[in-house]
Amino acid sequence: MYNLFISLCWFIFFSIWFIFSRTAKKTLDDTNPDDRALTRLIMAIAVILFLTVHFTYRPLADYPVFPPTPVFQSIGCVLCAAGVAFAIWARMHLGRNWGMPMSVKEKPDLITTGPYRRIRHPIYTGILLAMFGCLLTAGFMWLIWLLLYSGYFLYCARKEENRMLALFPDEYGEYLKRTWMFLPFVV
């Protein structure tokens, strides 16, 4: 039941991402080739790890990191749903300015309202929260995903912030001072 709920959360997440990806502004092709290569490499490693562990080491993939009690699994489901909802809210608020990590949009706007009012990268935050919820509920494989994507999102966030400083030097500098990168009062 818990794994079905988590699967449903991720299905909703990816469905909304796919549907709304069609409405985004045009992506300019000035993304650093090294950044594109890193993105492809991370995605390839993620798929290979998932398939390898899922099909070859199934007991390891399902090995519980936390006690598989209804309390932990329920908390995990709530965190997964909350993370997905937060990421979707951020995606909807970003509107046509959304793009793949480190991409540059045509005529970008600086969004500092809604979930962006206090957190500079609420989509990454929501996804990582959802993954942590999955870790509580579903097992070891999610620890791999969480660690891999935490590093990747941190790298992307830093690159994106440098780009935003170049595009909006005054406004983004002030925005940096009054917001958190991922978690309020933590990072």
N, C-alpha and C. Protein backbone atom coordinates (compact mmCIF):
# COMPACT_ATOMS: atom_id res chain seq x y z
N MET A 1 0.81 -1.18 0.00
CA MET A 1 0.00 0.00 0.00
C MET A 1 0.87 1.27 0.00
N TYR A 2 1.92 1.29 0.82
CA TYR A 2 2.79 2.47 0.90
C TYR A 2 3.54 2.69 -0.41
N ASN A 3 4.08 1.61 -0.97
CA ASN A 3 4.81 1.72 -2.24
C ASN A 3 3.89 2.15 -3.38
N LEU A 4 2.66 1.71 -3.35
CA LEU A 4 1.69 2.13 -4.37
C LEU A 4 1.43 3.63 -4.26
N PHE A 5 1.31 4.13 -3.03
CA PHE A 5 1.10 5.56 -2.82
C PHE A 5 2.28 6.37 -3.34
N ILE A 6 3.49 5.91 -3.04
CA ILE A 6 4.70 6.60 -3.52
C ILE A 6 4.75 6.57 -5.05
N SER A 7 4.43 5.45 -5.63
CA SER A 7 4.42 5.36 -7.10
C SER A 7 3.41 6.34 -7.69
N LEU A 8 2.26 6.47 -7.06
CA LEU A 8 1.24 7.40 -7.53
C LEU A 8 1.75 8.85 -7.42
N CYS A 9 2.43 9.18 -6.33
CA CYS A 9 2.99 10.53 -6.18
C CYS A 9 3.95 10.85 -7.33
N TRP A 10 4.85 9.92 -7.61
CA TRP A 10 5.83 10.17 -8.68
C TRP A 10 5.16 10.16 -10.06
N PHE A 11 4.13 9.37 -10.25
CA PHE A 11 3.39 9.39 -11.51
C PHE A 11 2.76 10.76 -11.73
N ILE A 12 2.16 11.30 -10.70
CA ILE A 12 1.55 12.63 -10.79
C ILE A 12 2.63 13.67 -11.09
N PHE A 13 3.75 13.58 -10.38
CA PHE A 13 4.85 14.52 -10.59
C PHE A 13 5.31 14.50 -12.05
N PHE A 14 5.63 13.33 -12.58
CA PHE A 14 6.16 13.25 -13.94
C PHE A 14 5.11 13.60 -14.98
N SER A 15 3.86 13.29 -14.73
CA SER A 15 2.79 13.65 -15.66
C SER A 15 2.66 15.17 -15.76
N ILE A 16 2.66 15.83 -14.62
CA ILE A 16 2.55 17.29 -14.63
C ILE A 16 3.78 17.90 -15.29
N TRP A 17 4.96 17.37 -14.99
CA TRP A 17 6.19 17.88 -15.62
C TRP A 17 6.10 17.76 -17.13
N PHE A 18 5.63 16.61 -17.61
CA PHE A 18 5.55 16.39 -19.05
C PHE A 18 4.53 17.35 -19.68
N ILE A 19 3.38 17.47 -19.08
CA ILE A 19 2.32 18.32 -19.63
C ILE A 19 2.78 19.78 -19.70
N PHE A 20 3.33 20.29 -18.62
CA PHE A 20 3.69 21.69 -18.57
C PHE A 20 5.02 22.00 -19.23
N SER A 21 5.79 20.99 -19.58
CA SER A 21 7.05 21.26 -20.30
C SER A 21 6.76 21.84 -21.68
N ARG A 22 5.58 21.60 -22.17
CA ARG A 22 5.18 22.10 -23.49
C ARG A 22 4.91 23.60 -23.49
N THR A 23 4.73 24.20 -22.30
CA THR A 23 4.37 25.62 -22.23
C THR A 23 5.56 26.51 -21.90
N ALA A 24 6.72 25.95 -21.68
CA ALA A 24 7.89 26.73 -21.27
C ALA A 24 8.40 27.60 -22.41
N LYS A 25 9.06 28.68 -22.02
CA LYS A 25 9.70 29.54 -23.01
C LYS A 25 10.78 28.76 -23.74
N LYS A 26 11.15 29.29 -24.89
CA LYS A 26 12.20 28.66 -25.68
C LYS A 26 13.52 28.64 -24.90
N THR A 27 14.21 27.52 -24.95
CA THR A 27 15.51 27.39 -24.32
C THR A 27 16.58 27.85 -25.30
N LEU A 28 17.43 28.75 -24.83
CA LEU A 28 18.55 29.20 -25.65
C LEU A 28 19.65 28.16 -25.56
N ASP A 29 20.40 28.01 -26.61
CA ASP A 29 21.43 26.96 -26.64
C ASP A 29 22.79 27.51 -26.23
N ASP A 30 22.82 28.25 -25.11
CA ASP A 30 24.12 28.73 -24.67
C ASP A 30 24.56 28.05 -23.37
N THR A 31 23.89 26.93 -23.05
CA THR A 31 24.30 26.18 -21.87
C THR A 31 25.68 25.60 -22.11
N ASN A 32 26.50 25.67 -21.12
CA ASN A 32 27.85 25.15 -21.20
C ASN A 32 27.81 23.67 -21.61
N PRO A 33 28.58 23.26 -22.62
CA PRO A 33 28.59 21.85 -23.03
C PRO A 33 28.99 20.91 -21.89
N ASP A 34 29.84 21.38 -20.98
CA ASP A 34 30.22 20.55 -19.83
C ASP A 34 29.02 20.31 -18.92
N ASP A 35 28.16 21.32 -18.76
CA ASP A 35 26.96 21.17 -17.94
C ASP A 35 25.99 20.16 -18.59
N ARG A 36 25.82 20.27 -19.90
CA ARG A 36 24.95 19.31 -20.60
C ARG A 36 25.50 17.90 -20.47
N ALA A 37 26.81 17.76 -20.61
CA ALA A 37 27.44 16.44 -20.49
C ALA A 37 27.27 15.89 -19.08
N LEU A 38 27.42 16.74 -18.06
CA LEU A 38 27.23 16.30 -16.68
C LEU A 38 25.79 15.84 -16.45
N THR A 39 24.84 16.60 -16.97
CA THR A 39 23.43 16.22 -16.82
C THR A 39 23.18 14.86 -17.44
N ARG A 40 23.67 14.65 -18.63
CA ARG A 40 23.49 13.36 -19.30
C ARG A 40 24.18 12.24 -18.53
N LEU A 41 25.37 12.49 -18.02
CA LEU A 41 26.10 11.49 -17.26
C LEU A 41 25.34 11.11 -15.99
N ILE A 42 24.84 12.11 -15.26
CA ILE A 42 24.08 11.85 -14.02
C ILE A 42 22.84 11.02 -14.34
N MET A 43 22.14 11.37 -15.39
CA MET A 43 20.93 10.62 -15.76
C MET A 43 21.29 9.18 -16.16
N ALA A 44 22.36 9.01 -16.90
CA ALA A 44 22.77 7.66 -17.30
C ALA A 44 23.17 6.83 -16.08
N ILE A 45 23.95 7.42 -15.17
CA ILE A 45 24.34 6.70 -13.95
C ILE A 45 23.11 6.34 -13.13
N ALA A 46 22.18 7.27 -13.03
CA ALA A 46 20.96 7.01 -12.25
C ALA A 46 20.18 5.84 -12.83
N VAL A 47 20.01 5.82 -14.13
CA VAL A 47 19.26 4.73 -14.76
C VAL A 47 19.99 3.41 -14.61
N ILE A 48 21.30 3.41 -14.84
CA ILE A 48 22.09 2.17 -14.71
C ILE A 48 22.05 1.66 -13.28
N LEU A 49 22.25 2.55 -12.31
CA LEU A 49 22.18 2.14 -10.89
C LEU A 49 20.81 1.57 -10.56
N PHE A 50 19.78 2.26 -10.99
CA PHE A 50 18.43 1.80 -10.68
C PHE A 50 18.18 0.41 -11.27
N LEU A 51 18.48 0.24 -12.54
CA LEU A 51 18.23 -1.04 -13.19
C LEU A 51 19.10 -2.15 -12.58
N THR A 52 20.37 -1.85 -12.32
CA THR A 52 21.27 -2.85 -11.75
C THR A 52 20.80 -3.29 -10.37
N VAL A 53 20.58 -2.32 -9.51
CA VAL A 53 20.17 -2.67 -8.14
C VAL A 53 18.78 -3.27 -8.13
N HIS A 54 17.88 -2.70 -8.92
CA HIS A 54 16.50 -3.18 -8.93
C HIS A 54 16.39 -4.63 -9.41
N PHE A 55 17.09 -4.98 -10.45
CA PHE A 55 16.94 -6.32 -11.01
C PHE A 55 17.99 -7.32 -10.52
N THR A 56 19.18 -6.86 -10.18
CA THR A 56 20.24 -7.78 -9.77
C THR A 56 20.32 -7.95 -8.27
N TYR A 57 20.16 -6.86 -7.57
CA TYR A 57 20.30 -6.88 -6.11
C TYR A 57 18.99 -6.47 -5.44
N ARG A 58 17.92 -7.10 -5.84
CA ARG A 58 16.59 -6.70 -5.34
C ARG A 58 16.52 -6.66 -3.81
N PRO A 59 17.08 -7.62 -3.10
CA PRO A 59 17.02 -7.51 -1.63
C PRO A 59 17.72 -6.26 -1.11
N LEU A 60 18.81 -5.84 -1.77
CA LEU A 60 19.50 -4.62 -1.37
C LEU A 60 18.63 -3.40 -1.65
N ALA A 61 18.00 -3.37 -2.80
CA ALA A 61 17.14 -2.24 -3.17
C ALA A 61 16.01 -2.06 -2.16
N ASP A 62 15.46 -3.15 -1.69
CA ASP A 62 14.32 -3.09 -0.77
C ASP A 62 14.74 -3.10 0.70
N TYR A 63 16.04 -3.19 0.96
CA TYR A 63 16.50 -3.25 2.34
C TYR A 63 16.10 -1.98 3.08
N PRO A 64 15.37 -2.09 4.17
CA PRO A 64 14.91 -0.89 4.86
C PRO A 64 16.05 -0.17 5.59
N VAL A 65 16.15 1.11 5.36
CA VAL A 65 17.13 1.93 6.05
C VAL A 65 16.57 2.32 7.42
N PHE A 66 15.27 2.51 7.47
CA PHE A 66 14.56 2.80 8.71
C PHE A 66 13.65 1.62 9.02
N PRO A 67 13.27 1.42 10.26
CA PRO A 67 12.38 0.29 10.58
C PRO A 67 11.09 0.36 9.75
N PRO A 68 10.74 -0.74 9.09
CA PRO A 68 9.55 -0.72 8.22
C PRO A 68 8.24 -0.80 9.03
N THR A 69 8.07 0.16 9.91
CA THR A 69 6.86 0.19 10.72
C THR A 69 5.83 1.09 10.07
N PRO A 70 4.58 0.93 10.39
CA PRO A 70 3.55 1.81 9.82
C PRO A 70 3.81 3.29 10.11
N VAL A 71 4.40 3.59 11.25
CA VAL A 71 4.68 5.00 11.58
C VAL A 71 5.71 5.58 10.60
N PHE A 72 6.85 4.92 10.43
CA PHE A 72 7.87 5.42 9.50
C PHE A 72 7.34 5.46 8.07
N GLN A 73 6.64 4.41 7.68
CA GLN A 73 6.14 4.37 6.31
C GLN A 73 5.07 5.43 6.07
N SER A 74 4.24 5.69 7.05
CA SER A 74 3.23 6.75 6.91
C SER A 74 3.88 8.13 6.83
N ILE A 75 4.85 8.37 7.71
CA ILE A 75 5.59 9.64 7.67
C ILE A 75 6.28 9.80 6.32
N GLY A 76 6.87 8.72 5.83
CA GLY A 76 7.52 8.75 4.52
C GLY A 76 6.55 9.10 3.41
N CYS A 77 5.37 8.53 3.44
CA CYS A 77 4.36 8.84 2.42
C CYS A 77 3.93 10.29 2.49
N VAL A 78 3.76 10.81 3.70
CA VAL A 78 3.37 12.21 3.86
C VAL A 78 4.47 13.13 3.33
N LEU A 79 5.73 12.82 3.67
CA LEU A 79 6.85 13.64 3.18
C LEU A 79 6.99 13.55 1.67
N CYS A 80 6.77 12.37 1.11
CA CYS A 80 6.84 12.21 -0.35
C CYS A 80 5.76 13.07 -1.01
N ALA A 81 4.54 12.97 -0.52
CA ALA A 81 3.44 13.74 -1.10
C ALA A 81 3.67 15.24 -0.92
N ALA A 82 4.15 15.64 0.26
CA ALA A 82 4.42 17.06 0.51
C ALA A 82 5.53 17.58 -0.41
N GLY A 83 6.58 16.78 -0.59
CA GLY A 83 7.68 17.19 -1.47
C GLY A 83 7.22 17.33 -2.91
N VAL A 84 6.45 16.36 -3.38
CA VAL A 84 5.93 16.42 -4.75
C VAL A 84 5.01 17.63 -4.90
N ALA A 85 4.14 17.85 -3.94
CA ALA A 85 3.22 19.00 -4.00
C ALA A 85 3.99 20.32 -4.00
N PHE A 86 5.03 20.41 -3.16
CA PHE A 86 5.84 21.63 -3.11
C PHE A 86 6.55 21.88 -4.43
N ALA A 87 7.12 20.83 -5.01
CA ALA A 87 7.80 20.97 -6.31
C ALA A 87 6.81 21.37 -7.40
N ILE A 88 5.62 20.79 -7.38
CA ILE A 88 4.61 21.14 -8.38
C ILE A 88 4.17 22.59 -8.20
N TRP A 89 3.96 23.01 -6.94
CA TRP A 89 3.58 24.40 -6.68
C TRP A 89 4.67 25.35 -7.23
N ALA A 90 5.91 25.02 -6.97
CA ALA A 90 7.01 25.85 -7.46
C ALA A 90 7.04 25.86 -8.99
N ARG A 91 6.84 24.71 -9.59
CA ARG A 91 6.83 24.61 -11.06
C ARG A 91 5.70 25.45 -11.65
N MET A 92 4.52 25.38 -11.04
CA MET A 92 3.39 26.15 -11.54
C MET A 92 3.65 27.65 -11.36
N HIS A 93 4.27 28.02 -10.26
CA HIS A 93 4.54 29.42 -9.99
C HIS A 93 5.63 29.96 -10.93
N LEU A 94 6.56 29.14 -11.28
CA LEU A 94 7.62 29.54 -12.20
C LEU A 94 7.06 29.76 -13.61
N GLY A 95 6.01 29.05 -13.94
CA GLY A 95 5.33 29.23 -15.22
C GLY A 95 6.22 28.94 -16.41
N ARG A 96 6.18 29.82 -17.36
CA ARG A 96 6.91 29.61 -18.62
C ARG A 96 8.42 29.74 -18.47
N ASN A 97 8.89 30.19 -17.32
CA ASN A 97 10.33 30.35 -17.08
C ASN A 97 11.01 29.05 -16.71
N TRP A 98 10.24 27.99 -16.53
CA TRP A 98 10.82 26.71 -16.12
C TRP A 98 11.67 26.13 -17.25
N GLY A 99 12.75 25.45 -16.85
CA GLY A 99 13.59 24.74 -17.80
C GLY A 99 14.34 23.64 -17.09
N MET A 100 14.97 22.81 -17.84
CA MET A 100 15.81 21.77 -17.26
C MET A 100 16.92 22.44 -16.46
N PRO A 101 17.51 21.71 -15.52
CA PRO A 101 18.57 22.32 -14.71
C PRO A 101 19.66 22.97 -15.57
N MET A 102 20.03 24.17 -15.17
CA MET A 102 21.09 24.97 -15.77
C MET A 102 20.78 25.47 -17.18
N SER A 103 19.53 25.35 -17.63
CA SER A 103 19.19 25.87 -18.95
C SER A 103 18.92 27.37 -18.87
N VAL A 104 19.03 28.04 -20.01
CA VAL A 104 18.78 29.47 -20.09
C VAL A 104 17.56 29.66 -20.97
N LYS A 105 16.60 30.43 -20.48
CA LYS A 105 15.37 30.68 -21.22
C LYS A 105 15.45 32.00 -21.97
N GLU A 106 14.70 32.08 -23.03
CA GLU A 106 14.59 33.31 -23.79
C GLU A 106 13.83 34.34 -22.94
N LYS A 107 14.37 35.52 -22.80
CA LYS A 107 13.76 36.59 -22.00
C LYS A 107 13.35 36.11 -20.61
N PRO A 108 14.32 35.67 -19.80
CA PRO A 108 13.96 35.15 -18.47
C PRO A 108 13.46 36.24 -17.53
N ASP A 109 12.60 35.85 -16.61
CA ASP A 109 12.11 36.74 -15.56
C ASP A 109 12.68 36.24 -14.24
N LEU A 110 12.87 37.17 -13.32
CA LEU A 110 13.31 36.81 -11.97
C LEU A 110 12.05 36.61 -11.13
N ILE A 111 11.80 35.37 -10.70
CA ILE A 111 10.62 35.04 -9.91
C ILE A 111 11.04 35.01 -8.44
N THR A 112 10.39 35.86 -7.63
CA THR A 112 10.74 35.93 -6.20
C THR A 112 9.48 35.89 -5.33
N THR A 113 8.41 35.33 -5.85
CA THR A 113 7.16 35.26 -5.10
C THR A 113 6.76 33.80 -4.93
N GLY A 114 5.69 33.56 -4.17
CA GLY A 114 5.24 32.19 -3.93
C GLY A 114 6.31 31.41 -3.19
N PRO A 115 6.59 30.18 -3.62
CA PRO A 115 7.61 29.38 -2.94
C PRO A 115 9.01 29.97 -3.09
N TYR A 116 9.19 30.83 -4.08
CA TYR A 116 10.49 31.47 -4.31
C TYR A 116 10.70 32.67 -3.38
N ARG A 117 9.71 32.99 -2.59
CA ARG A 117 9.82 34.13 -1.67
C ARG A 117 10.92 33.88 -0.62
N ARG A 118 11.05 32.64 -0.13
CA ARG A 118 12.02 32.31 0.91
C ARG A 118 13.07 31.28 0.47
N ILE A 119 12.76 30.51 -0.56
CA ILE A 119 13.66 29.44 -1.01
C ILE A 119 14.00 29.68 -2.48
N ARG A 120 15.28 29.71 -2.80
CA ARG A 120 15.71 30.00 -4.17
C ARG A 120 15.50 28.81 -5.12
N HIS A 121 15.50 27.61 -4.58
CA HIS A 121 15.37 26.42 -5.43
C HIS A 121 14.30 25.47 -4.86
N PRO A 122 13.04 25.91 -4.86
CA PRO A 122 12.00 25.09 -4.25
C PRO A 122 11.68 23.80 -5.02
N ILE A 123 11.94 23.76 -6.30
CA ILE A 123 11.71 22.52 -7.03
C ILE A 123 12.69 21.45 -6.56
N TYR A 124 13.97 21.82 -6.48
CA TYR A 124 14.97 20.88 -5.98
C TYR A 124 14.62 20.47 -4.54
N THR A 125 14.22 21.44 -3.74
CA THR A 125 13.87 21.16 -2.34
C THR A 125 12.72 20.15 -2.27
N GLY A 126 11.69 20.36 -3.06
CA GLY A 126 10.55 19.45 -3.06
C GLY A 126 10.92 18.05 -3.50
N ILE A 127 11.72 17.96 -4.54
CA ILE A 127 12.14 16.65 -5.03
C ILE A 127 12.96 15.91 -3.97
N LEU A 128 13.89 16.62 -3.33
CA LEU A 128 14.71 15.98 -2.30
C LEU A 128 13.87 15.58 -1.09
N LEU A 129 12.89 16.39 -0.71
CA LEU A 129 11.99 16.02 0.38
C LEU A 129 11.20 14.77 0.02
N ALA A 130 10.72 14.71 -1.21
CA ALA A 130 9.98 13.52 -1.67
C ALA A 130 10.88 12.28 -1.64
N MET A 131 12.12 12.44 -2.07
CA MET A 131 13.04 11.30 -2.04
C MET A 131 13.34 10.85 -0.61
N PHE A 132 13.47 11.81 0.31
CA PHE A 132 13.67 11.44 1.71
C PHE A 132 12.46 10.67 2.24
N GLY A 133 11.27 11.11 1.87
CA GLY A 133 10.07 10.37 2.26
C GLY A 133 10.08 8.95 1.71
N CYS A 134 10.53 8.80 0.48
CA CYS A 134 10.63 7.46 -0.12
C CYS A 134 11.66 6.62 0.62
N LEU A 135 12.73 7.24 1.05
CA LEU A 135 13.76 6.53 1.82
C LEU A 135 13.16 5.99 3.11
N LEU A 136 12.34 6.77 3.79
CA LEU A 136 11.69 6.31 5.01
C LEU A 136 10.76 5.13 4.75
N THR A 137 10.16 5.12 3.59
CA THR A 137 9.13 4.13 3.29
C THR A 137 9.64 2.91 2.52
N ALA A 138 10.44 3.16 1.48
CA ALA A 138 10.68 2.10 0.52
C ALA A 138 12.04 1.42 0.58
N GLY A 139 13.04 2.01 1.18
CA GLY A 139 14.28 1.28 1.31
C GLY A 139 15.51 1.92 0.71
N PHE A 140 16.59 1.13 0.72
CA PHE A 140 17.96 1.55 0.43
C PHE A 140 18.13 2.23 -0.93
N MET A 141 17.42 1.80 -1.94
CA MET A 141 17.60 2.38 -3.28
C MET A 141 17.38 3.89 -3.24
N TRP A 142 16.47 4.33 -2.40
CA TRP A 142 16.20 5.76 -2.32
C TRP A 142 17.34 6.53 -1.66
N LEU A 143 18.14 5.88 -0.85
CA LEU A 143 19.31 6.53 -0.29
C LEU A 143 20.30 6.87 -1.40
N ILE A 144 20.47 5.96 -2.34
CA ILE A 144 21.34 6.20 -3.49
C ILE A 144 20.82 7.38 -4.30
N TRP A 145 19.52 7.38 -4.59
CA TRP A 145 18.91 8.47 -5.35
C TRP A 145 19.09 9.80 -4.62
N LEU A 146 18.82 9.79 -3.31
CA LEU A 146 18.89 11.01 -2.52
C LEU A 146 20.31 11.58 -2.50
N LEU A 147 21.31 10.74 -2.31
CA LEU A 147 22.69 11.21 -2.30
C LEU A 147 23.12 11.71 -3.67
N LEU A 148 22.79 10.97 -4.70
CA LEU A 148 23.16 11.35 -6.06
C LEU A 148 22.55 12.69 -6.45
N TYR A 149 21.26 12.82 -6.22
CA TYR A 149 20.58 14.05 -6.63
C TYR A 149 20.85 15.22 -5.70
N SER A 150 21.18 14.99 -4.45
CA SER A 150 21.56 16.10 -3.56
C SER A 150 22.81 16.79 -4.11
N GLY A 151 23.81 16.02 -4.47
CA GLY A 151 25.02 16.58 -5.06
C GLY A 151 24.76 17.26 -6.38
N TYR A 152 23.97 16.62 -7.22
CA TYR A 152 23.66 17.19 -8.53
C TYR A 152 22.88 18.49 -8.40
N PHE A 153 21.88 18.53 -7.52
CA PHE A 153 21.09 19.74 -7.36
C PHE A 153 21.91 20.88 -6.75
N LEU A 154 22.82 20.56 -5.86
CA LEU A 154 23.69 21.58 -5.29
C LEU A 154 24.58 22.18 -6.39
N TYR A 155 25.13 21.33 -7.24
CA TYR A 155 25.94 21.79 -8.36
C TYR A 155 25.11 22.68 -9.29
N CYS A 156 23.92 22.22 -9.64
CA CYS A 156 23.03 22.98 -10.53
C CYS A 156 22.66 24.32 -9.91
N ALA A 157 22.31 24.30 -8.62
CA ALA A 157 21.90 25.53 -7.94
C ALA A 157 23.00 26.57 -7.98
N ARG A 158 24.21 26.16 -7.73
CA ARG A 158 25.33 27.11 -7.76
C ARG A 158 25.55 27.69 -9.15
N LYS A 159 25.47 26.84 -10.16
CA LYS A 159 25.63 27.30 -11.54
C LYS A 159 24.50 28.27 -11.91
N GLU A 160 23.27 27.91 -11.54
CA GLU A 160 22.12 28.75 -11.85
C GLU A 160 22.21 30.10 -11.14
N GLU A 161 22.68 30.09 -9.90
CA GLU A 161 22.79 31.34 -9.15
C GLU A 161 23.84 32.26 -9.77
N ASN A 162 24.93 31.71 -10.24
CA ASN A 162 25.94 32.53 -10.93
C ASN A 162 25.36 33.15 -12.20
N ARG A 163 24.56 32.37 -12.91
CA ARG A 163 23.95 32.88 -14.14
C ARG A 163 22.93 33.97 -13.81
N MET A 164 22.14 33.76 -12.76
CA MET A 164 21.14 34.76 -12.37
C MET A 164 21.82 36.06 -11.90
N LEU A 165 22.95 35.94 -11.21
CA LEU A 165 23.70 37.13 -10.80
C LEU A 165 24.18 37.92 -12.02
N ALA A 166 24.55 37.22 -13.07
CA ALA A 166 24.99 37.89 -14.29
C ALA A 166 23.80 38.56 -15.00
N LEU A 167 22.64 37.91 -14.99
CA LEU A 167 21.46 38.45 -15.66
C LEU A 167 20.79 39.58 -14.87
N PHE A 168 20.72 39.42 -13.55
CA PHE A 168 20.04 40.37 -12.68
C PHE A 168 20.96 40.75 -11.52
N PRO A 169 22.05 41.49 -11.78
CA PRO A 169 23.07 41.70 -10.75
C PRO A 169 22.54 42.35 -9.47
N ASP A 170 21.75 43.37 -9.57
CA ASP A 170 21.28 44.06 -8.37
C ASP A 170 20.15 43.29 -7.68
N GLU A 171 19.13 42.93 -8.45
CA GLU A 171 17.96 42.27 -7.88
C GLU A 171 18.31 40.90 -7.29
N TYR A 172 19.13 40.14 -8.01
CA TYR A 172 19.44 38.80 -7.52
C TYR A 172 20.39 38.85 -6.32
N GLY A 173 21.26 39.82 -6.29
CA GLY A 173 22.14 39.98 -5.13
C GLY A 173 21.33 40.23 -3.86
N GLU A 174 20.30 41.07 -3.96
CA GLU A 174 19.42 41.32 -2.81
C GLU A 174 18.61 40.07 -2.47
N TYR A 175 18.16 39.38 -3.49
CA TYR A 175 17.39 38.14 -3.31
C TYR A 175 18.21 37.09 -2.56
N LEU A 176 19.50 36.98 -2.89
CA LEU A 176 20.39 36.04 -2.21
C LEU A 176 20.47 36.32 -0.71
N LYS A 177 20.47 37.59 -0.36
CA LYS A 177 20.62 37.97 1.04
C LYS A 177 19.39 37.60 1.89
N ARG A 178 18.21 37.58 1.29
CA ARG A 178 17.00 37.36 2.08
C ARG A 178 16.37 35.97 1.91
N THR A 179 17.06 35.07 1.20
CA THR A 179 16.49 33.74 0.96
C THR A 179 17.48 32.63 1.32
N TRP A 180 16.97 31.42 1.37
CA TRP A 180 17.77 30.22 1.61
C TRP A 180 17.85 29.44 0.33
N MET A 181 18.96 28.73 0.12
CA MET A 181 19.12 27.96 -1.10
C MET A 181 18.09 26.81 -1.17
N PHE A 182 18.01 26.01 -0.10
CA PHE A 182 17.09 24.86 -0.12
C PHE A 182 16.15 24.86 1.08
N LEU A 183 16.69 24.80 2.27
CA LEU A 183 15.87 24.69 3.47
C LEU A 183 16.00 25.92 4.35
N PRO A 184 14.89 26.54 4.71
CA PRO A 184 14.97 27.70 5.60
C PRO A 184 15.70 27.35 6.89
N PHE A 185 16.57 28.24 7.31
CA PHE A 185 17.35 28.13 8.54
C PHE A 185 18.39 26.99 8.51
N VAL A 186 18.56 26.32 7.36
CA VAL A 186 19.53 25.22 7.27
C VAL A 186 20.53 25.51 6.15
N VAL A 187 20.09 25.54 4.93
CA VAL A 187 20.97 25.74 3.77
C VAL A 187 20.40 26.82 2.88
